PDB file of N, CA and C in Angstrom:
ATOM      1  N   UNK A   1      49.123 100.361  60.977  1.00  0.00           N
ATOM      2  CA  UNK A   1      48.576 100.645  59.647  1.00  0.00           C
ATOM      3  C   UNK A   1      47.297  99.830  59.481  1.00  0.00           C
ATOM      4  N   UNK A   2      46.274 100.462  58.975  1.00  0.00           N
ATOM      5  CA  UNK A   2      44.991  99.782  58.798  1.00  0.00           C
ATOM      6  C   UNK A   2      45.047  98.843  57.605  1.00  0.00           C
ATOM      7  N   UNK A   3      44.101  97.941  57.574  1.00  0.00           N
ATOM      8  CA  UNK A   3      44.015  96.996  56.451  1.00  0.00           C
ATOM      9  C   UNK A   3      43.829  97.732  55.142  1.00  0.00           C
ATOM     10  N   UNK A   4      43.043  98.816  55.179  1.00  0.00           N
ATOM     11  CA  UNK A   4      42.809  99.601  53.964  1.00  0.00           C
ATOM     12  C   UNK A   4      44.110 100.226  53.462  1.00  0.00           C
ATOM     13  N   UNK A   5      44.905 100.770  54.365  1.00  0.00           N
ATOM     14  CA  UNK A   5      46.183 101.379  53.969  1.00  0.00           C
ATOM     15  C   UNK A   5      47.163 100.327  53.464  1.00  0.00           C
ATOM     16  N   UNK A   6      47.163  99.173  54.070  1.00  0.00           N
ATOM     17  CA  UNK A   6      48.036  98.086  53.603  1.00  0.00           C
ATOM     18  C   UNK A   6      47.644  97.704  52.191  1.00  0.00           C
ATOM     19  N   UNK A   7      46.334  97.606  51.936  1.00  0.00           N
ATOM     20  CA  UNK A   7      45.850  97.280  50.597  1.00  0.00           C
ATOM     21  C   UNK A   7      46.273  98.321  49.574  1.00  0.00           C
ATOM     22  N   UNK A   8      46.222  99.602  49.948  1.00  0.00           N
ATOM     23  CA  UNK A   8      46.659 100.666  49.048  1.00  0.00           C
ATOM     24  C   UNK A   8      48.152 100.581  48.775  1.00  0.00           C
ATOM     25  N   UNK A   9      48.924 100.287  49.806  1.00  0.00           N
ATOM     26  CA  UNK A   9      50.378 100.174  49.633  1.00  0.00           C
ATOM     27  C   UNK A   9      50.723  99.021  48.701  1.00  0.00           C
ATOM     28  N   UNK A  10      50.038  97.902  48.841  1.00  0.00           N
ATOM     29  CA  UNK A  10      50.271  96.750  47.963  1.00  0.00           C
ATOM     30  C   UNK A  10      49.899  97.100  46.531  1.00  0.00           C
ATOM     31  N   UNK A  11      48.769  97.770  46.340  1.00  0.00           N
ATOM     32  CA  UNK A  11      48.337  98.163  44.995  1.00  0.00           C
ATOM     33  C   UNK A  11      49.339  99.119  44.362  1.00  0.00           C
ATOM     34  N   UNK A  12      49.882 100.050  45.164  1.00  0.00           N
ATOM     35  CA  UNK A  12      50.891 100.975  44.644  1.00  0.00           C
ATOM     36  C   UNK A  12      52.151 100.218  44.230  1.00  0.00           C
ATOM     37  N   UNK A  13      52.579  99.264  45.054  1.00  0.00           N
ATOM     38  CA  UNK A  13      53.755  98.463  44.710  1.00  0.00           C
ATOM     39  C   UNK A  13      53.526  97.684  43.421  1.00  0.00           C
ATOM     40  N   UNK A  14      52.341  97.100  43.283  1.00  0.00           N
ATOM     41  CA  UNK A  14      52.030  96.343  42.072  1.00  0.00           C
ATOM     42  C   UNK A  14      51.997  97.245  40.856  1.00  0.00           C
ATOM     43  N   UNK A  15      51.493  98.465  41.006  1.00  0.00           N
ATOM     44  CA  UNK A  15      51.482  99.423  39.895  1.00  0.00           C
ATOM     45  C   UNK A  15      52.896  99.789  39.487  1.00  0.00           C
ATOM     46  N   UNK A  16      53.777  99.950  40.470  1.00  0.00           N
ATOM     47  CA  UNK A  16      55.176 100.266  40.166  1.00  0.00           C
ATOM     48  C   UNK A  16      55.855  99.107  39.440  1.00  0.00           C
ATOM     49  N   UNK A  17      55.594  97.878  39.891  1.00  0.00           N
ATOM     50  CA  UNK A  17      56.191  96.699  39.250  1.00  0.00           C
ATOM     51  C   UNK A  17      55.665  96.552  37.829  1.00  0.00           C
ATOM     52  N   UNK A  18      54.359  96.698  37.648  1.00  0.00           N
ATOM     53  CA  UNK A  18      53.773  96.596  36.314  1.00  0.00           C
ATOM     54  C   UNK A  18      54.342  97.680  35.407  1.00  0.00           C
ATOM     55  N   UNK A  19      54.418  98.893  35.907  1.00  0.00           N
ATOM     56  CA  UNK A  19      54.976  99.991  35.115  1.00  0.00           C
ATOM     57  C   UNK A  19      56.411  99.724  34.694  1.00  0.00           C
ATOM     58  N   UNK A  20      57.199  99.203  35.614  1.00  0.00           N
ATOM     59  CA  UNK A  20      58.600  98.890  35.290  1.00  0.00           C
ATOM     60  C   UNK A  20      58.685  97.803  34.223  1.00  0.00           C
ATOM     61  N   UNK A  21      57.821  96.802  34.310  1.00  0.00           N
ATOM     62  CA  UNK A  21      57.819  95.738  33.300  1.00  0.00           C
ATOM     63  C   UNK A  21      57.391  96.280  31.938  1.00  0.00           C
ATOM     64  N   UNK A  22      56.403  97.160  31.948  1.00  0.00           N
ATOM     65  CA  UNK A  22      55.956  97.755  30.684  1.00  0.00           C
ATOM     66  C   UNK A  22      57.066  98.596  30.063  1.00  0.00           C
ATOM     67  N   UNK A  23      57.786  99.357  30.878  1.00  0.00           N
ATOM     68  CA  UNK A  23      58.901 100.164  30.362  1.00  0.00           C
ATOM     69  C   UNK A  23      60.001  99.247  29.806  1.00  0.00           C
ATOM     70  N   UNK A  24      60.329  98.220  30.564  1.00  0.00           N
ATOM     71  CA  UNK A  24      61.363  97.283  30.125  1.00  0.00           C
ATOM     72  C   UNK A  24      60.994  96.646  28.786  1.00  0.00           C
ATOM     73  N   UNK A  25      59.750  96.220  28.648  1.00  0.00           N
ATOM     74  CA  UNK A  25      59.301  95.584  27.406  1.00  0.00           C
ATOM     75  C   UNK A  25      59.316  96.575  26.249  1.00  0.00           C
ATOM     76  N   UNK A  26      58.877  97.823  26.509  1.00  0.00           N
ATOM     77  CA  UNK A  26      58.881  98.840  25.459  1.00  0.00           C
ATOM     78  C   UNK A  26      60.302  99.110  24.986  1.00  0.00           C
ATOM     79  N   UNK A  27      61.223  99.272  25.922  1.00  0.00           N
ATOM     80  CA  UNK A  27      62.611  99.539  25.558  1.00  0.00           C
ATOM     81  C   UNK A  27      63.229  98.338  24.842  1.00  0.00           C
ATOM     82  N   UNK A  28      62.852  97.140  25.257  1.00  0.00           N
ATOM     83  CA  UNK A  28      63.389  95.922  24.647  1.00  0.00           C
ATOM     84  C   UNK A  28      63.038  95.844  23.164  1.00  0.00           C
ATOM     85  N   UNK A  29      61.807  96.227  22.815  1.00  0.00           N
ATOM     86  CA  UNK A  29      61.413  96.182  21.402  1.00  0.00           C
ATOM     87  C   UNK A  29      61.801  97.456  20.660  1.00  0.00           C
ATOM     88  N   UNK A  30      62.393  98.409  21.380  1.00  0.00           N
ATOM     89  CA  UNK A  30      62.929  99.605  20.733  1.00  0.00           C
ATOM     90  C   UNK A  30      61.902 100.662  20.371  1.00  0.00           C
ATOM     91  N   UNK A  31      60.821 100.734  21.143  1.00  0.00           N
ATOM     92  CA  UNK A  31      59.796 101.741  20.873  1.00  0.00           C
ATOM     93  C   UNK A  31      59.952 102.920  21.818  1.00  0.00           C
ATOM     94  N   UNK A  32      59.560 104.088  21.340  1.00  0.00           N
ATOM     95  CA  UNK A  32      59.525 105.290  22.169  1.00  0.00           C
ATOM     96  C   UNK A  32      58.115 105.447  22.725  1.00  0.00           C
ATOM     97  N   UNK A  33      58.004 106.184  23.823  1.00  0.00           N
ATOM     98  CA  UNK A  33      56.692 106.398  24.424  1.00  0.00           C
ATOM     99  C   UNK A  33      55.715 107.020  23.427  1.00  0.00           C
ATOM    100  N   UNK A  34      56.204 107.920  22.569  1.00  0.00           N
ATOM    101  CA  UNK A  34      55.330 108.535  21.563  1.00  0.00           C
ATOM    102  C   UNK A  34      54.720 107.490  20.632  1.00  0.00           C
ATOM    103  N   UNK A  35      55.531 106.522  20.231  1.00  0.00           N
ATOM    104  CA  UNK A  35      55.052 105.482  19.326  1.00  0.00           C
ATOM    105  C   UNK A  35      53.988 104.617  20.007  1.00  0.00           C
ATOM    106  N   UNK A  36      54.223 104.293  21.273  1.00  0.00           N
ATOM    107  CA  UNK A  36      53.252 103.492  22.021  1.00  0.00           C
ATOM    108  C   UNK A  36      51.959 104.281  22.196  1.00  0.00           C
ATOM    109  N   UNK A  37      52.093 105.560  22.535  1.00  0.00           N
ATOM    110  CA  UNK A  37      50.919 106.402  22.724  1.00  0.00           C
ATOM    111  C   UNK A  37      50.080 106.461  21.451  1.00  0.00           C
ATOM    112  N   UNK A  38      50.745 106.602  20.323  1.00  0.00           N
ATOM    113  CA  UNK A  38      50.024 106.655  19.053  1.00  0.00           C
ATOM    114  C   UNK A  38      49.304 105.336  18.791  1.00  0.00           C
ATOM    115  N   UNK A  39      49.986 104.219  19.019  1.00  0.00           N
ATOM    116  CA  UNK A  39      49.376 102.902  18.820  1.00  0.00           C
ATOM    117  C   UNK A  39      48.172 102.696  19.744  1.00  0.00           C
ATOM    118  N   UNK A  40      48.312 103.160  20.984  1.00  0.00           N
ATOM    119  CA  UNK A  40      47.259 102.962  21.983  1.00  0.00           C
ATOM    120  C   UNK A  40      46.182 104.044  21.927  1.00  0.00           C
ATOM    121  N   UNK A  41      46.423 105.077  21.105  1.00  0.00           N
ATOM    122  CA  UNK A  41      45.519 106.222  21.017  1.00  0.00           C
ATOM    123  C   UNK A  41      45.359 106.887  22.383  1.00  0.00           C
ATOM    124  N   UNK A  42      46.513 107.121  23.018  1.00  0.00           N
ATOM    125  CA  UNK A  42      46.582 107.784  24.316  1.00  0.00           C
ATOM    126  C   UNK A  42      47.558 108.950  24.218  1.00  0.00           C
ATOM    127  N   UNK A  43      47.459 109.913  25.128  1.00  0.00           N
ATOM    128  CA  UNK A  43      48.506 110.935  25.174  1.00  0.00           C
ATOM    129  C   UNK A  43      49.817 110.304  25.653  1.00  0.00           C
ATOM    130  N   UNK A  44      50.942 110.844  25.217  1.00  0.00           N
ATOM    131  CA  UNK A  44      52.237 110.316  25.639  1.00  0.00           C
ATOM    132  C   UNK A  44      52.371 110.373  27.155  1.00  0.00           C
ATOM    133  N   UNK A  45      51.787 111.404  27.770  1.00  0.00           N
ATOM    134  CA  UNK A  45      51.877 111.513  29.231  1.00  0.00           C
ATOM    135  C   UNK A  45      51.202 110.335  29.928  1.00  0.00           C
ATOM    136  N   UNK A  46      50.167 109.781  29.319  1.00  0.00           N
ATOM    137  CA  UNK A  46      49.498 108.613  29.902  1.00  0.00           C
ATOM    138  C   UNK A  46      50.443 107.413  29.916  1.00  0.00           C
ATOM    139  N   UNK A  47      51.216 107.237  28.848  1.00  0.00           N
ATOM    140  CA  UNK A  47      52.187 106.134  28.798  1.00  0.00           C
ATOM    141  C   UNK A  47      53.232 106.330  29.889  1.00  0.00           C
ATOM    142  N   UNK A  48      53.702 107.559  30.044  1.00  0.00           N
ATOM    143  CA  UNK A  48      54.673 107.867  31.093  1.00  0.00           C
ATOM    144  C   UNK A  48      54.095 107.584  32.477  1.00  0.00           C
ATOM    145  N   UNK A  49      52.857 107.995  32.708  1.00  0.00           N
ATOM    146  CA  UNK A  49      52.222 107.765  34.004  1.00  0.00           C
ATOM    147  C   UNK A  49      52.033 106.276  34.283  1.00  0.00           C
ATOM    148  N   UNK A  50      51.695 105.514  33.257  1.00  0.00           N
ATOM    149  CA  UNK A  50      51.556 104.060  33.416  1.00  0.00           C
ATOM    150  C   UNK A  50      52.891 103.459  33.815  1.00  0.00           C
ATOM    151  N   UNK A  51      53.950 103.837  33.097  1.00  0.00           N
ATOM    152  CA  UNK A  51      55.278 103.270  33.361  1.00  0.00           C
ATOM    153  C   UNK A  51      55.820 103.683  34.724  1.00  0.00           C
ATOM    154  N   UNK A  52      55.348 104.798  35.250  1.00  0.00           N
ATOM    155  CA  UNK A  52      55.780 105.261  36.571  1.00  0.00           C
ATOM    156  C   UNK A  52      54.839 104.834  37.690  1.00  0.00           C
ATOM    157  N   UNK A  53      53.836 104.013  37.348  1.00  0.00           N
ATOM    158  CA  UNK A  53      52.926 103.483  38.355  1.00  0.00           C
ATOM    159  C   UNK A  53      51.902 104.472  38.869  1.00  0.00           C
ATOM    160  N   UNK A  54      51.724 105.586  38.182  1.00  0.00           N
ATOM    161  CA  UNK A  54      50.776 106.609  38.623  1.00  0.00           C
ATOM    162  C   UNK A  54      49.426 106.509  37.927  1.00  0.00           C
ATOM    163  N   UNK A  55      49.320 105.640  36.939  1.00  0.00           N
ATOM    164  CA  UNK A  55      48.050 105.456  36.223  1.00  0.00           C
ATOM    165  C   UNK A  55      47.822 103.968  36.052  1.00  0.00           C
ATOM    166  N   UNK A  56      46.614 103.538  36.329  1.00  0.00           N
ATOM    167  CA  UNK A  56      46.273 102.135  36.156  1.00  0.00           C
ATOM    168  C   UNK A  56      46.126 101.774  34.681  1.00  0.00           C
ATOM    169  N   UNK A  57      46.084 100.489  34.423  1.00  0.00           N
ATOM    170  CA  UNK A  57      45.945  99.975  33.061  1.00  0.00           C
ATOM    171  C   UNK A  57      44.738  99.048  33.043  1.00  0.00           C
ATOM    172  N   UNK A  58      43.842  99.286  32.105  1.00  0.00           N
ATOM    173  CA  UNK A  58      42.688  98.394  31.985  1.00  0.00           C
ATOM    174  C   UNK A  58      43.138  97.068  31.385  1.00  0.00           C
ATOM    175  N   UNK A  59      42.301  96.067  31.517  1.00  0.00           N
ATOM    176  CA  UNK A  59      42.613  94.756  30.943  1.00  0.00           C
ATOM    177  C   UNK A  59      42.776  94.849  29.431  1.00  0.00           C
ATOM    178  N   UNK A  60      41.941  95.646  28.800  1.00  0.00           N
ATOM    179  CA  UNK A  60      42.026  95.806  27.344  1.00  0.00           C
ATOM    180  C   UNK A  60      43.328  96.483  26.956  1.00  0.00           C
ATOM    181  N   UNK A  61      43.708  97.528  27.716  1.00  0.00           N
ATOM    182  CA  UNK A  61      44.975  98.212  27.433  1.00  0.00           C
ATOM    183  C   UNK A  61      46.157  97.283  27.634  1.00  0.00           C
ATOM    184  N   UNK A  62      46.122  96.485  28.709  1.00  0.00           N
ATOM    185  CA  UNK A  62      47.225  95.560  28.969  1.00  0.00           C
ATOM    186  C   UNK A  62      47.343  94.526  27.855  1.00  0.00           C
ATOM    187  N   UNK A  63      46.212  94.059  27.369  1.00  0.00           N
ATOM    188  CA  UNK A  63      46.225  93.092  26.273  1.00  0.00           C
ATOM    189  C   UNK A  63      46.838  93.705  25.012  1.00  0.00           C
ATOM    190  N   UNK A  64      46.468  94.952  24.695  1.00  0.00           N
ATOM    191  CA  UNK A  64      47.037  95.632  23.523  1.00  0.00           C
ATOM    192  C   UNK A  64      48.539  95.862  23.690  1.00  0.00           C
ATOM    193  N   UNK A  65      48.944  96.259  24.893  1.00  0.00           N
ATOM    194  CA  UNK A  65      50.369  96.487  25.156  1.00  0.00           C
ATOM    195  C   UNK A  65      51.151  95.173  25.055  1.00  0.00           C
ATOM    196  N   UNK A  66      50.597  94.107  25.601  1.00  0.00           N
ATOM    197  CA  UNK A  66      51.262  92.807  25.534  1.00  0.00           C
ATOM    198  C   UNK A  66      51.458  92.376  24.081  1.00  0.00           C
ATOM    199  N   UNK A  67      50.449  92.594  23.263  1.00  0.00           N
ATOM    200  CA  UNK A  67      50.548  92.250  21.845  1.00  0.00           C
ATOM    201  C   UNK A  67      51.620  93.112  21.170  1.00  0.00           C
ATOM    202  N   UNK A  68      51.618  94.402  21.466  1.00  0.00           N
ATOM    203  CA  UNK A  68      52.597  95.320  20.889  1.00  0.00           C
ATOM    204  C   UNK A  68      54.011  94.948  21.304  1.00  0.00           C
ATOM    205  N   UNK A  69      54.177  94.564  22.574  1.00  0.00           N
ATOM    206  CA  UNK A  69      55.502  94.248  23.106  1.00  0.00           C
ATOM    207  C   UNK A  69      55.896  92.787  22.918  1.00  0.00           C
ATOM    208  N   UNK A  70      55.006  92.020  22.304  1.00  0.00           N
ATOM    209  CA  UNK A  70      55.268  90.615  21.983  1.00  0.00           C
ATOM    210  C   UNK A  70      55.598  89.790  23.229  1.00  0.00           C
ATOM    211  N   UNK A  71      54.775  89.985  24.251  1.00  0.00           N
ATOM    212  CA  UNK A  71      54.911  89.249  25.508  1.00  0.00           C
ATOM    213  C   UNK A  71      53.533  88.760  25.922  1.00  0.00           C
ATOM    214  N   UNK A  72      53.462  87.650  26.642  1.00  0.00           N
ATOM    215  CA  UNK A  72      52.149  87.225  27.145  1.00  0.00           C
ATOM    216  C   UNK A  72      51.702  88.146  28.286  1.00  0.00           C
ATOM    217  N   UNK A  73      50.417  88.340  28.416  1.00  0.00           N
ATOM    218  CA  UNK A  73      49.872  89.166  29.489  1.00  0.00           C
ATOM    219  C   UNK A  73      50.361  88.645  30.837  1.00  0.00           C
ATOM    220  N   UNK A  74      50.478  87.338  30.974  1.00  0.00           N
ATOM    221  CA  UNK A  74      50.891  86.754  32.248  1.00  0.00           C
ATOM    222  C   UNK A  74      52.298  87.174  32.656  1.00  0.00           C
ATOM    223  N   UNK A  75      53.136  87.553  31.712  1.00  0.00           N
ATOM    224  CA  UNK A  75      54.477  88.025  32.072  1.00  0.00           C
ATOM    225  C   UNK A  75      54.375  89.347  32.823  1.00  0.00           C
ATOM    226  N   UNK A  76      53.445  90.204  32.384  1.00  0.00           N
ATOM    227  CA  UNK A  76      53.277  91.507  33.021  1.00  0.00           C
ATOM    228  C   UNK A  76      52.615  91.383  34.391  1.00  0.00           C
ATOM    229  N   UNK A  77      51.760  90.393  34.560  1.00  0.00           N
ATOM    230  CA  UNK A  77      51.048  90.235  35.828  1.00  0.00           C
ATOM    231  C   UNK A  77      51.852  89.449  36.855  1.00  0.00           C
ATOM    232  N   UNK A  78      52.998  88.928  36.445  1.00  0.00           N
ATOM    233  CA  UNK A  78      53.853  88.199  37.369  1.00  0.00           C
ATOM    234  C   UNK A  78      53.523  86.724  37.470  1.00  0.00           C
ATOM    235  N   UNK A  79      52.596  86.258  36.671  1.00  0.00           N
ATOM    236  CA  UNK A  79      52.226  84.845  36.704  1.00  0.00           C
ATOM    237  C   UNK A  79      53.186  83.984  35.909  1.00  0.00           C
ATOM    238  N   UNK A  80      53.925  84.607  35.007  1.00  0.00           N
ATOM    239  CA  UNK A  80      54.905  83.886  34.187  1.00  0.00           C
ATOM    240  C   UNK A  80      56.228  84.630  34.303  1.00  0.00           C
ATOM    241  N   UNK A  81      57.247  83.905  34.666  1.00  0.00           N
ATOM    242  CA  UNK A  81      58.562  84.509  34.795  1.00  0.00           C
ATOM    243  C   UNK A  81      59.310  84.385  33.478  1.00  0.00           C
ATOM    244  N   UNK A  82      60.101  85.405  33.186  1.00  0.00           N
ATOM    245  CA  UNK A  82      60.919  85.383  31.978  1.00  0.00           C
ATOM    246  C   UNK A  82      62.128  84.487  32.244  1.00  0.00           C
ATOM    247  N   UNK A  83      62.462  83.610  31.303  1.00  0.00           N
ATOM    248  CA  UNK A  83      63.652  82.792  31.514  1.00  0.00           C
ATOM    249  C   UNK A  83      64.891  83.684  31.579  1.00  0.00           C
ATOM    250  N   UNK A  84      65.817  83.287  32.429  1.00  0.00           N
ATOM    251  CA  UNK A  84      67.048  84.063  32.568  1.00  0.00           C
ATOM    252  C   UNK A  84      67.865  83.958  31.286  1.00  0.00           C
ATOM    253  N   UNK A  85      68.174  85.098  30.709  1.00  0.00           N
ATOM    254  CA  UNK A  85      68.970  85.162  29.486  1.00  0.00           C
ATOM    255  C   UNK A  85      70.158  86.065  29.794  1.00  0.00           C
ATOM    256  N   UNK A  86      71.362  85.601  29.504  1.00  0.00           N
ATOM    257  CA  UNK A  86      72.517  86.469  29.747  1.00  0.00           C
ATOM    258  C   UNK A  86      72.367  87.787  28.988  1.00  0.00           C
ATOM    259  N   UNK A  87      72.894  88.861  29.576  1.00  0.00           N
ATOM    260  CA  UNK A  87      72.740  90.194  29.001  1.00  0.00           C
ATOM    261  C   UNK A  87      73.291  90.276  27.588  1.00  0.00           C
ATOM    262  N   UNK A  88      74.416  89.597  27.326  1.00  0.00           N
ATOM    263  CA  UNK A  88      74.991  89.674  25.982  1.00  0.00           C
ATOM    264  C   UNK A  88      74.108  88.972  24.960  1.00  0.00           C
ATOM    265  N   UNK A  89      73.449  87.905  25.355  1.00  0.00           N
ATOM    266  CA  UNK A  89      72.547  87.192  24.451  1.00  0.00           C
ATOM    267  C   UNK A  89      71.308  88.053  24.179  1.00  0.00           C
ATOM    268  N   UNK A  90      70.785  88.697  25.219  1.00  0.00           N
ATOM    269  CA  UNK A  90      69.636  89.585  25.037  1.00  0.00           C
ATOM    270  C   UNK A  90      70.000  90.743  24.104  1.00  0.00           C
ATOM    271  N   UNK A  91      71.209  91.284  24.258  1.00  0.00           N
ATOM    272  CA  UNK A  91      71.659  92.359  23.372  1.00  0.00           C
ATOM    273  C   UNK A  91      71.708  91.869  21.922  1.00  0.00           C
ATOM    274  N   UNK A  92      72.271  90.678  21.717  1.00  0.00           N
ATOM    275  CA  UNK A  92      72.343  90.131  20.358  1.00  0.00           C
ATOM    276  C   UNK A  92      70.946  89.939  19.762  1.00  0.00           C
ATOM    277  N   UNK A  93      70.016  89.461  20.572  1.00  0.00           N
ATOM    278  CA  UNK A  93      68.647  89.251  20.081  1.00  0.00           C
ATOM    279  C   UNK A  93      68.000  90.572  19.696  1.00  0.00           C
ATOM    280  N   UNK A  94      68.163  91.598  20.541  1.00  0.00           N
ATOM    281  CA  UNK A  94      67.582  92.908  20.218  1.00  0.00           C
ATOM    282  C   UNK A  94      68.194  93.464  18.942  1.00  0.00           C
ATOM    283  N   UNK A  95      69.509  93.335  18.819  1.00  0.00           N
ATOM    284  CA  UNK A  95      70.202  93.853  17.642  1.00  0.00           C
ATOM    285  C   UNK A  95      69.781  93.092  16.392  1.00  0.00           C
ATOM    286  N   UNK A  96      69.717  91.764  16.491  1.00  0.00           N
ATOM    287  CA  UNK A  96      69.347  90.947  15.338  1.00  0.00           C
ATOM    288  C   UNK A  96      67.914  91.224  14.897  1.00  0.00           C
ATOM    289  N   UNK A  97      67.034  91.552  15.836  1.00  0.00           N
ATOM    290  CA  UNK A  97      65.637  91.779  15.460  1.00  0.00           C
ATOM    291  C   UNK A  97      65.483  93.008  14.571  1.00  0.00           C
ATOM    292  N   UNK A  98      66.447  93.916  14.613  1.00  0.00           N
ATOM    293  CA  UNK A  98      66.383  95.126  13.785  1.00  0.00           C
ATOM    294  C   UNK A  98      67.004  94.923  12.399  1.00  0.00           C
ATOM    295  N   UNK A  99      67.601  93.756  12.162  1.00  0.00           N
ATOM    296  CA  UNK A  99      68.253  93.498  10.876  1.00  0.00           C
ATOM    297  C   UNK A  99      67.224  93.102   9.820  1.00  0.00           C
ATOM    298  N   UNK A 100      67.634  93.205   8.586  1.00  0.00           N
ATOM    299  CA  UNK A 100      66.776  92.753   7.488  1.00  0.00           C
ATOM    300  C   UNK A 100      66.711  91.224   7.513  1.00  0.00           C
ATOM    301  N   UNK A 101      65.753  90.664   6.780  1.00  0.00           N
ATOM    302  CA  UNK A 101      65.631  89.204   6.709  1.00  0.00           C
ATOM    303  C   UNK A 101      66.917  88.584   6.180  1.00  0.00           C
ATOM    304  N   UNK A 102      67.485  89.175   5.151  1.00  0.00           N
ATOM    305  CA  UNK A 102      68.723  88.631   4.578  1.00  0.00           C
ATOM    306  C   UNK A 102      69.867  88.671   5.579  1.00  0.00           C
ATOM    307  N   UNK A 103      69.990  89.783   6.302  1.00  0.00           N
ATOM    308  CA  UNK A 103      71.056  89.893   7.296  1.00  0.00           C
ATOM    309  C   UNK A 103      70.862  88.898   8.436  1.00  0.00           C
ATOM    310  N   UNK A 104      69.608  88.682   8.866  1.00  0.00           N
ATOM    311  CA  UNK A 104      69.368  87.682   9.916  1.00  0.00           C
ATOM    312  C   UNK A 104      69.723  86.283   9.438  1.00  0.00           C
ATOM    313  N   UNK A 105      69.433  85.980   8.169  1.00  0.00           N
ATOM    314  CA  UNK A 105      69.811  84.667   7.626  1.00  0.00           C
ATOM    315  C   UNK A 105      71.332  84.516   7.613  1.00  0.00           C
ATOM    316  N   UNK A 106      72.026  85.575   7.246  1.00  0.00           N
ATOM    317  CA  UNK A 106      73.489  85.548   7.250  1.00  0.00           C
ATOM    318  C   UNK A 106      74.013  85.369   8.675  1.00  0.00           C
ATOM    319  N   UNK A 107      73.417  86.054   9.629  1.00  0.00           N
ATOM    320  CA  UNK A 107      73.809  85.917  11.026  1.00  0.00           C
ATOM    321  C   UNK A 107      73.560  84.495  11.516  1.00  0.00           C
ATOM    322  N   UNK A 108      72.459  83.902  11.096  1.00  0.00           N
ATOM    323  CA  UNK A 108      72.155  82.524  11.480  1.00  0.00           C
ATOM    324  C   UNK A 108      73.206  81.566  10.916  1.00  0.00           C
ATOM    325  N   UNK A 109      73.593  81.767   9.658  1.00  0.00           N
ATOM    326  CA  UNK A 109      74.630  80.909   9.067  1.00  0.00           C
ATOM    327  C   UNK A 109      75.948  81.056   9.818  1.00  0.00           C
ATOM    328  N   UNK A 110      76.273  82.299  10.215  1.00  0.00           N
ATOM    329  CA  UNK A 110      77.509  82.514  10.956  1.00  0.00           C
ATOM    330  C   UNK A 110      77.440  81.838  12.329  1.00  0.00           C
ATOM    331  N   UNK A 111      76.290  81.924  12.997  1.00  0.00           N
ATOM    332  CA  UNK A 111      76.127  81.265  14.296  1.00  0.00           C
ATOM    333  C   UNK A 111      76.268  79.750  14.150  1.00  0.00           C
ATOM    334  N   UNK A 112      75.695  79.193  13.078  1.00  0.00           N
ATOM    335  CA  UNK A 112      75.831  77.754  12.832  1.00  0.00           C
ATOM    336  C   UNK A 112      77.289  77.385  12.570  1.00  0.00           C
ATOM    337  N   UNK A 113      78.005  78.241  11.851  1.00  0.00           N
ATOM    338  CA  UNK A 113      79.435  78.020  11.617  1.00  0.00           C
ATOM    339  C   UNK A 113      80.194  77.996  12.944  1.00  0.00           C
ATOM    340  N   UNK A 114      79.932  78.970  13.796  1.00  0.00           N
ATOM    341  CA  UNK A 114      80.625  79.024  15.088  1.00  0.00           C
ATOM    342  C   UNK A 114      80.302  77.800  15.941  1.00  0.00           C
ATOM    343  N   UNK A 115      79.046  77.381  15.926  1.00  0.00           N
ATOM    344  CA  UNK A 115      78.649  76.213  16.706  1.00  0.00           C
ATOM    345  C   UNK A 115      79.344  74.958  16.185  1.00  0.00           C
ATOM    346  N   UNK A 116      79.402  74.783  14.860  1.00  0.00           N
ATOM    347  CA  UNK A 116      80.054  73.601  14.298  1.00  0.00           C
ATOM    348  C   UNK A 116      81.554  73.633  14.574  1.00  0.00           C
ATOM    349  N   UNK A 117      82.154  74.805  14.556  1.00  0.00           N
ATOM    350  CA  UNK A 117      83.582  74.939  14.847  1.00  0.00           C
ATOM    351  C   UNK A 117      83.883  74.547  16.284  1.00  0.00           C
ATOM    352  N   UNK A 118      82.998  74.921  17.224  1.00  0.00           N
ATOM    353  CA  UNK A 118      83.238  74.571  18.621  1.00  0.00           C
ATOM    354  C   UNK A 118      83.046  73.078  18.859  1.00  0.00           C
ATOM    355  N   UNK A 119      82.147  72.440  18.081  1.00  0.00           N
ATOM    356  CA  UNK A 119      81.950  70.998  18.216  1.00  0.00           C
ATOM    357  C   UNK A 119      83.180  70.240  17.717  1.00  0.00           C
ATOM    358  N   UNK A 120      83.774  70.742  16.640  1.00  0.00           N
ATOM    359  CA  UNK A 120      84.949  70.081  16.077  1.00  0.00           C
ATOM    360  C   UNK A 120      86.132  70.195  17.035  1.00  0.00           C
ATOM    361  N   UNK A 121      86.305  71.370  17.637  1.00  0.00           N
ATOM    362  CA  UNK A 121      87.441  71.563  18.542  1.00  0.00           C
ATOM    363  C   UNK A 121      87.206  70.870  19.881  1.00  0.00           C
ATOM    364  N   UNK A 122      85.925  70.597  20.187  1.00  0.00           N
ATOM    365  CA  UNK A 122      85.613  69.880  21.407  1.00  0.00           C
ATOM    366  C   UNK A 122      85.696  70.719  22.665  1.00  0.00           C
ATOM    367  N   UNK A 123      85.913  72.032  22.542  1.00  0.00           N
ATOM    368  CA  UNK A 123      86.040  72.841  23.737  1.00  0.00           C
ATOM    369  C   UNK A 123      84.729  73.478  24.174  1.00  0.00           C
ATOM    370  N   UNK A 124      83.697  73.385  23.338  1.00  0.00           N
ATOM    371  CA  UNK A 124      82.394  73.916  23.701  1.00  0.00           C
ATOM    372  C   UNK A 124      82.319  75.421  23.683  1.00  0.00           C
ATOM    373  N   UNK A 125      83.414  76.084  23.315  1.00  0.00           N
ATOM    374  CA  UNK A 125      83.401  77.547  23.248  1.00  0.00           C
ATOM    375  C   UNK A 125      82.943  77.972  21.872  1.00  0.00           C
ATOM    376  N   UNK A 126      82.417  79.181  21.818  1.00  0.00           N
ATOM    377  CA  UNK A 126      82.028  79.723  20.515  1.00  0.00           C
ATOM    378  C   UNK A 126      82.968  80.814  20.109  1.00  0.00           C
TER     379      UNK A 126
END
């Protein structure tokens, strides 16, 4: 394989990884491709092509997507790794983010109650 072909293969792999991260971030914040397309002023098919690694993303587009998905640009480029979060904790965070302010405050009070209860029992369980 020539150096040029190796370079193309690496670029394709990076496009696939970036696309997968963009899809993961979009799904995490609960947006549909149509909503992202409208925000980015792109056709929905362009969002699909980006997520499937078939369309490149400009620096400006990546910055807008990062802001929309509430992630640093470096997370998408692989320069910053996401801390490992258990799946159940990530689910709770996604669910809580959709709650009203009052409901999140109530959830926080309940979490504090559970934490204080586990400290009293000394078992460290929640």
